[in-house]
Amino acid sequence: MKDITVQEVANHVGLNRSYLYKMFIKHLGESTQSYLINIIMYKSSLLLKETSLSIAEIANKVGY
């Protein structure tokens, strides 16, 4: 995995960063940044449950 920024997401989908933020708030009830952090935490929890990787290795894999 690589560290993904909100700006990279906005660029990828061809939207202005502030417009993307407004759409996330409107449709998901949370900011783009918060959504990305939740995905990272979810992936981290899966790796903790399903692998024998150390916390440091998992943190490295998810971009922390």
PDB file of N, CA and C in Angstrom:
ATOM      1  N   MET A   1       0.838  -1.187   0.000  1.00  0.00           N
ATOM      2  CA  MET A   1       0.000   0.000   0.000  1.00  0.00           C
ATOM      3  C   MET A   1       0.875   1.239   0.000  1.00  0.00           C
ATOM      4  N   LYS A   2       0.322   2.302  -0.488  1.00  0.00           N
ATOM      5  CA  LYS A   2       1.061   3.560  -0.472  1.00  0.00           C
ATOM      6  C   LYS A   2       0.214   4.619   0.212  1.00  0.00           C
ATOM      7  N   ASP A   3       0.890   5.594   0.739  1.00  0.00           N
ATOM      8  CA  ASP A   3       0.211   6.696   1.383  1.00  0.00           C
ATOM      9  C   ASP A   3      -0.537   7.494   0.322  1.00  0.00           C
ATOM     10  N   ILE A   4      -1.857   7.623   0.475  1.00  0.00           N
ATOM     11  CA  ILE A   4      -2.689   8.316  -0.502  1.00  0.00           C
ATOM     12  C   ILE A   4      -3.163   9.620   0.114  1.00  0.00           C
ATOM     13  N   THR A   5      -3.014  10.694  -0.628  1.00  0.00           N
ATOM     14  CA  THR A   5      -3.474  11.988  -0.136  1.00  0.00           C
ATOM     15  C   THR A   5      -4.842  12.323  -0.730  1.00  0.00           C
ATOM     16  N   VAL A   6      -5.530  13.234  -0.065  1.00  0.00           N
ATOM     17  CA  VAL A   6      -6.822  13.689  -0.570  1.00  0.00           C
ATOM     18  C   VAL A   6      -6.646  14.325  -1.943  1.00  0.00           C
ATOM     19  N   GLN A   7      -5.582  15.072  -2.118  1.00  0.00           N
ATOM     20  CA  GLN A   7      -5.335  15.706  -3.410  1.00  0.00           C
ATOM     21  C   GLN A   7      -5.155  14.669  -4.513  1.00  0.00           C
ATOM     22  N   GLU A   8      -4.479  13.575  -4.228  1.00  0.00           N
ATOM     23  CA  GLU A   8      -4.309  12.510  -5.217  1.00  0.00           C
ATOM     24  C   GLU A   8      -5.655  11.892  -5.590  1.00  0.00           C
ATOM     25  N   VAL A   9      -6.518  11.696  -4.603  1.00  0.00           N
ATOM     26  CA  VAL A   9      -7.856  11.162  -4.881  1.00  0.00           C
ATOM     27  C   VAL A   9      -8.626  12.138  -5.765  1.00  0.00           C
ATOM     28  N   ALA A  10      -8.588  13.416  -5.408  1.00  0.00           N
ATOM     29  CA  ALA A  10      -9.282  14.440  -6.200  1.00  0.00           C
ATOM     30  C   ALA A  10      -8.765  14.456  -7.637  1.00  0.00           C
ATOM     31  N   ASN A  11      -7.456  14.413  -7.792  1.00  0.00           N
ATOM     32  CA  ASN A  11      -6.866  14.390  -9.131  1.00  0.00           C
ATOM     33  C   ASN A  11      -7.300  13.151  -9.901  1.00  0.00           C
ATOM     34  N   HIS A  12      -7.313  12.019  -9.224  1.00  0.00           N
ATOM     35  CA  HIS A  12      -7.649  10.748  -9.867  1.00  0.00           C
ATOM     36  C   HIS A  12      -9.084  10.752 -10.405  1.00  0.00           C
ATOM     37  N   VAL A  13      -9.999  11.341  -9.647  1.00  0.00           N
ATOM     38  CA  VAL A  13     -11.393  11.351 -10.088  1.00  0.00           C
ATOM     39  C   VAL A  13     -11.750  12.613 -10.869  1.00  0.00           C
ATOM     40  N   GLY A  14     -10.772  13.503 -11.039  1.00  0.00           N
ATOM     41  CA  GLY A  14     -10.969  14.689 -11.854  1.00  0.00           C
ATOM     42  C   GLY A  14     -11.846  15.760 -11.212  1.00  0.00           C
ATOM     43  N   LEU A  15     -11.776  15.861  -9.883  1.00  0.00           N
ATOM     44  CA  LEU A  15     -12.564  16.856  -9.168  1.00  0.00           C
ATOM     45  C   LEU A  15     -11.667  17.793  -8.389  1.00  0.00           C
ATOM     46  N   ASN A  16     -12.171  18.987  -8.156  1.00  0.00           N
ATOM     47  CA  ASN A  16     -11.514  19.933  -7.278  1.00  0.00           C
ATOM     48  C   ASN A  16     -11.554  19.372  -5.853  1.00  0.00           C
ATOM     49  N   ARG A  17     -10.487  19.580  -5.102  1.00  0.00           N
ATOM     50  CA  ARG A  17     -10.406  19.021  -3.747  1.00  0.00           C
ATOM     51  C   ARG A  17     -11.555  19.495  -2.856  1.00  0.00           C
ATOM     52  N   SER A  18     -11.904  20.769  -2.925  1.00  0.00           N
ATOM     53  CA  SER A  18     -12.978  21.278  -2.061  1.00  0.00           C
ATOM     54  C   SER A  18     -14.342  20.720  -2.483  1.00  0.00           C
ATOM     55  N   TYR A  19     -14.533  20.534  -3.777  1.00  0.00           N
ATOM     56  CA  TYR A  19     -15.794  19.933  -4.245  1.00  0.00           C
ATOM     57  C   TYR A  19     -15.880  18.476  -3.792  1.00  0.00           C
ATOM     58  N   LEU A  20     -14.791  17.756  -3.884  1.00  0.00           N
ATOM     59  CA  LEU A  20     -14.752  16.370  -3.421  1.00  0.00           C
ATOM     60  C   LEU A  20     -15.099  16.306  -1.936  1.00  0.00           C
ATOM     61  N   TYR A  21     -14.538  17.220  -1.155  1.00  0.00           N
ATOM     62  CA  TYR A  21     -14.836  17.297   0.272  1.00  0.00           C
ATOM     63  C   TYR A  21     -16.337  17.500   0.494  1.00  0.00           C
ATOM     64  N   LYS A  22     -16.933  18.422  -0.224  1.00  0.00           N
ATOM     65  CA  LYS A  22     -18.362  18.696  -0.075  1.00  0.00           C
ATOM     66  C   LYS A  22     -19.203  17.474  -0.422  1.00  0.00           C
ATOM     67  N   MET A  23     -18.803  16.737  -1.448  1.00  0.00           N
ATOM     68  CA  MET A  23     -19.546  15.539  -1.834  1.00  0.00           C
ATOM     69  C   MET A  23     -19.422  14.433  -0.777  1.00  0.00           C
ATOM     70  N   PHE A  24     -18.250  14.307  -0.184  1.00  0.00           N
ATOM     71  CA  PHE A  24     -18.071  13.321   0.880  1.00  0.00           C
ATOM     72  C   PHE A  24     -18.945  13.675   2.080  1.00  0.00           C
ATOM     73  N   ILE A  25     -18.959  14.943   2.465  1.00  0.00           N
ATOM     74  CA  ILE A  25     -19.786  15.379   3.588  1.00  0.00           C
ATOM     75  C   ILE A  25     -21.262  15.127   3.278  1.00  0.00           C
ATOM     76  N   LYS A  26     -21.685  15.490   2.100  1.00  0.00           N
ATOM     77  CA  LYS A  26     -23.088  15.354   1.708  1.00  0.00           C
ATOM     78  C   LYS A  26     -23.541  13.898   1.676  1.00  0.00           C
ATOM     79  N   HIS A  27     -22.734  13.023   1.066  1.00  0.00           N
ATOM     80  CA  HIS A  27     -23.168  11.649   0.830  1.00  0.00           C
ATOM     81  C   HIS A  27     -22.719  10.644   1.887  1.00  0.00           C
ATOM     82  N   LEU A  28     -21.617  10.922   2.557  1.00  0.00           N
ATOM     83  CA  LEU A  28     -21.097   9.973   3.549  1.00  0.00           C
ATOM     84  C   LEU A  28     -21.101  10.519   4.971  1.00  0.00           C
ATOM     85  N   GLY A  29     -21.293  11.824   5.092  1.00  0.00           N
ATOM     86  CA  GLY A  29     -21.335  12.422   6.416  1.00  0.00           C
ATOM     87  C   GLY A  29     -19.988  12.550   7.096  1.00  0.00           C
ATOM     88  N   GLU A  30     -18.925  12.450   6.325  1.00  0.00           N
ATOM     89  CA  GLU A  30     -17.580  12.623   6.871  1.00  0.00           C
ATOM     90  C   GLU A  30     -16.663  13.189   5.801  1.00  0.00           C
ATOM     91  N   SER A  31     -15.559  13.761   6.250  1.00  0.00           N
ATOM     92  CA  SER A  31     -14.616  14.369   5.313  1.00  0.00           C
ATOM     93  C   SER A  31     -13.865  13.301   4.529  1.00  0.00           C
ATOM     94  N   THR A  32     -13.266  13.730   3.452  1.00  0.00           N
ATOM     95  CA  THR A  32     -12.454  12.825   2.635  1.00  0.00           C
ATOM     96  C   THR A  32     -11.306  12.260   3.452  1.00  0.00           C
ATOM     97  N   GLN A  33     -10.637  13.125   4.216  1.00  0.00           N
ATOM     98  CA  GLN A  33      -9.511  12.705   5.050  1.00  0.00           C
ATOM     99  C   GLN A  33      -9.955  11.680   6.082  1.00  0.00           C
ATOM    100  N   SER A  34     -11.076  11.936   6.729  1.00  0.00           N
ATOM    101  CA  SER A  34     -11.604  11.007   7.730  1.00  0.00           C
ATOM    102  C   SER A  34     -11.919   9.653   7.096  1.00  0.00           C
ATOM    103  N   TYR A  35     -12.486   9.677   5.906  1.00  0.00           N
ATOM    104  CA  TYR A  35     -12.808   8.446   5.186  1.00  0.00           C
ATOM    105  C   TYR A  35     -11.537   7.643   4.890  1.00  0.00           C
ATOM    106  N   LEU A  36     -10.502   8.322   4.417  1.00  0.00           N
ATOM    107  CA  LEU A  36      -9.241   7.637   4.124  1.00  0.00           C
ATOM    108  C   LEU A  36      -8.636   7.029   5.394  1.00  0.00           C
ATOM    109  N   ILE A  37      -8.696   7.767   6.486  1.00  0.00           N
ATOM    110  CA  ILE A  37      -8.170   7.258   7.760  1.00  0.00           C
ATOM    111  C   ILE A  37      -8.950   6.024   8.197  1.00  0.00           C
ATOM    112  N   ASN A  38     -10.262   6.048   8.037  1.00  0.00           N
ATOM    113  CA  ASN A  38     -11.078   4.882   8.399  1.00  0.00           C
ATOM    114  C   ASN A  38     -10.721   3.661   7.556  1.00  0.00           C
ATOM    115  N   ILE A  39     -10.438   3.866   6.286  1.00  0.00           N
ATOM    116  CA  ILE A  39     -10.020   2.752   5.422  1.00  0.00           C
ATOM    117  C   ILE A  39      -8.692   2.177   5.920  1.00  0.00           C
ATOM    118  N   ILE A  40      -7.757   3.053   6.264  1.00  0.00           N
ATOM    119  CA  ILE A  40      -6.456   2.611   6.771  1.00  0.00           C
ATOM    120  C   ILE A  40      -6.635   1.810   8.062  1.00  0.00           C
ATOM    121  N   MET A  41      -7.476   2.302   8.960  1.00  0.00           N
ATOM    122  CA  MET A  41      -7.713   1.604  10.223  1.00  0.00           C
ATOM    123  C   MET A  41      -8.386   0.255   9.993  1.00  0.00           C
ATOM    124  N   TYR A  42      -9.320   0.210   9.053  1.00  0.00           N
ATOM    125  CA  TYR A  42      -9.982  -1.052   8.732  1.00  0.00           C
ATOM    126  C   TYR A  42      -8.981  -2.070   8.183  1.00  0.00           C
ATOM    127  N   LYS A  43      -8.161  -1.633   7.239  1.00  0.00           N
ATOM    128  CA  LYS A  43      -7.149  -2.522   6.663  1.00  0.00           C
ATOM    129  C   LYS A  43      -6.173  -2.981   7.735  1.00  0.00           C
ATOM    130  N   SER A  44      -5.793  -2.073   8.627  1.00  0.00           N
ATOM    131  CA  SER A  44      -4.886  -2.424   9.723  1.00  0.00           C
ATOM    132  C   SER A  44      -5.492  -3.491  10.612  1.00  0.00           C
ATOM    133  N   SER A  45      -6.775  -3.334  10.939  1.00  0.00           N
ATOM    134  CA  SER A  45      -7.428  -4.314  11.808  1.00  0.00           C
ATOM    135  C   SER A  45      -7.492  -5.686  11.139  1.00  0.00           C
ATOM    136  N   LEU A  46      -7.737  -5.708   9.835  1.00  0.00           N
ATOM    137  CA  LEU A  46      -7.739  -6.987   9.118  1.00  0.00           C
ATOM    138  C   LEU A  46      -6.364  -7.646   9.169  1.00  0.00           C
ATOM    139  N   LEU A  47      -5.329  -6.855   8.949  1.00  0.00           N
ATOM    140  CA  LEU A  47      -3.970  -7.404   8.979  1.00  0.00           C
ATOM    141  C   LEU A  47      -3.610  -7.917  10.367  1.00  0.00           C
ATOM    142  N   LEU A  48      -4.069  -7.232  11.399  1.00  0.00           N
ATOM    143  CA  LEU A  48      -3.825  -7.694  12.767  1.00  0.00           C
ATOM    144  C   LEU A  48      -4.499  -9.037  13.029  1.00  0.00           C
ATOM    145  N   LYS A  49      -5.717  -9.181  12.526  1.00  0.00           N
ATOM    146  CA  LYS A  49      -6.491 -10.405  12.745  1.00  0.00           C
ATOM    147  C   LYS A  49      -6.008 -11.571  11.893  1.00  0.00           C
ATOM    148  N   GLU A  50      -5.617 -11.287  10.661  1.00  0.00           N
ATOM    149  CA  GLU A  50      -5.410 -12.341   9.675  1.00  0.00           C
ATOM    150  C   GLU A  50      -3.953 -12.672   9.384  1.00  0.00           C
ATOM    151  N   THR A  51      -3.034 -11.926   9.956  1.00  0.00           N
ATOM    152  CA  THR A  51      -1.621 -12.204   9.701  1.00  0.00           C
ATOM    153  C   THR A  51      -0.860 -12.268  11.020  1.00  0.00           C
ATOM    154  N   SER A  52       0.372 -12.657  10.916  1.00  0.00           N
ATOM    155  CA  SER A  52       1.232 -12.665  12.103  1.00  0.00           C
ATOM    156  C   SER A  52       2.229 -11.501  12.047  1.00  0.00           C
ATOM    157  N   LEU A  53       1.925 -10.507  11.232  1.00  0.00           N
ATOM    158  CA  LEU A  53       2.807  -9.348  11.119  1.00  0.00           C
ATOM    159  C   LEU A  53       2.823  -8.562  12.432  1.00  0.00           C
ATOM    160  N   SER A  54       3.935  -7.934  12.706  1.00  0.00           N
ATOM    161  CA  SER A  54       4.027  -7.092  13.896  1.00  0.00           C
ATOM    162  C   SER A  54       3.271  -5.784  13.645  1.00  0.00           C
ATOM    163  N   ILE A  55       2.999  -5.077  14.715  1.00  0.00           N
ATOM    164  CA  ILE A  55       2.319  -3.791  14.594  1.00  0.00           C
ATOM    165  C   ILE A  55       3.155  -2.831  13.748  1.00  0.00           C
ATOM    166  N   ALA A  56       4.461  -2.852  13.935  1.00  0.00           N
ATOM    167  CA  ALA A  56       5.345  -1.990  13.149  1.00  0.00           C
ATOM    168  C   ALA A  56       5.260  -2.333  11.661  1.00  0.00           C
ATOM    169  N   GLU A  57       5.216  -3.616  11.328  1.00  0.00           N
ATOM    170  CA  GLU A  57       5.127  -4.021   9.928  1.00  0.00           C
ATOM    171  C   GLU A  57       3.783  -3.603   9.325  1.00  0.00           C
ATOM    172  N   ILE A  58       2.723  -3.748  10.106  1.00  0.00           N
ATOM    173  CA  ILE A  58       1.408  -3.350   9.626  1.00  0.00           C
ATOM    174  C   ILE A  58       1.352  -1.841   9.429  1.00  0.00           C
ATOM    175  N   ALA A  59       1.888  -1.095  10.371  1.00  0.00           N
ATOM    176  CA  ALA A  59       1.913   0.365  10.254  1.00  0.00           C
ATOM    177  C   ALA A  59       2.655   0.771   8.979  1.00  0.00           C
ATOM    178  N   ASN A  60       3.752   0.110   8.702  1.00  0.00           N
ATOM    179  CA  ASN A  60       4.518   0.391   7.491  1.00  0.00           C
ATOM    180  C   ASN A  60       3.706   0.058   6.246  1.00  0.00           C
ATOM    181  N   LYS A  61       2.996  -1.058   6.262  1.00  0.00           N
ATOM    182  CA  LYS A  61       2.211  -1.481   5.104  1.00  0.00           C
ATOM    183  C   LYS A  61       1.072  -0.524   4.779  1.00  0.00           C
ATOM    184  N   VAL A  62       0.469   0.065   5.815  1.00  0.00           N
ATOM    185  CA  VAL A  62      -0.687   0.916   5.581  1.00  0.00           C
ATOM    186  C   VAL A  62      -0.317   2.396   5.479  1.00  0.00           C
ATOM    187  N   GLY A  63       0.956   2.709   5.542  1.00  0.00           N
ATOM    188  CA  GLY A  63       1.406   4.059   5.299  1.00  0.00           C
ATOM    189  C   GLY A  63       1.617   4.933   6.512  1.00  0.00           C
ATOM    190  N   TYR A  64       1.682   4.329   7.687  1.00  0.00           N
ATOM    191  CA  TYR A  64       1.973   5.108   8.883  1.00  0.00           C
ATOM    192  C   TYR A  64       3.444   5.064   9.202  1.00  0.00           C
TER     193      TYR A  64
END
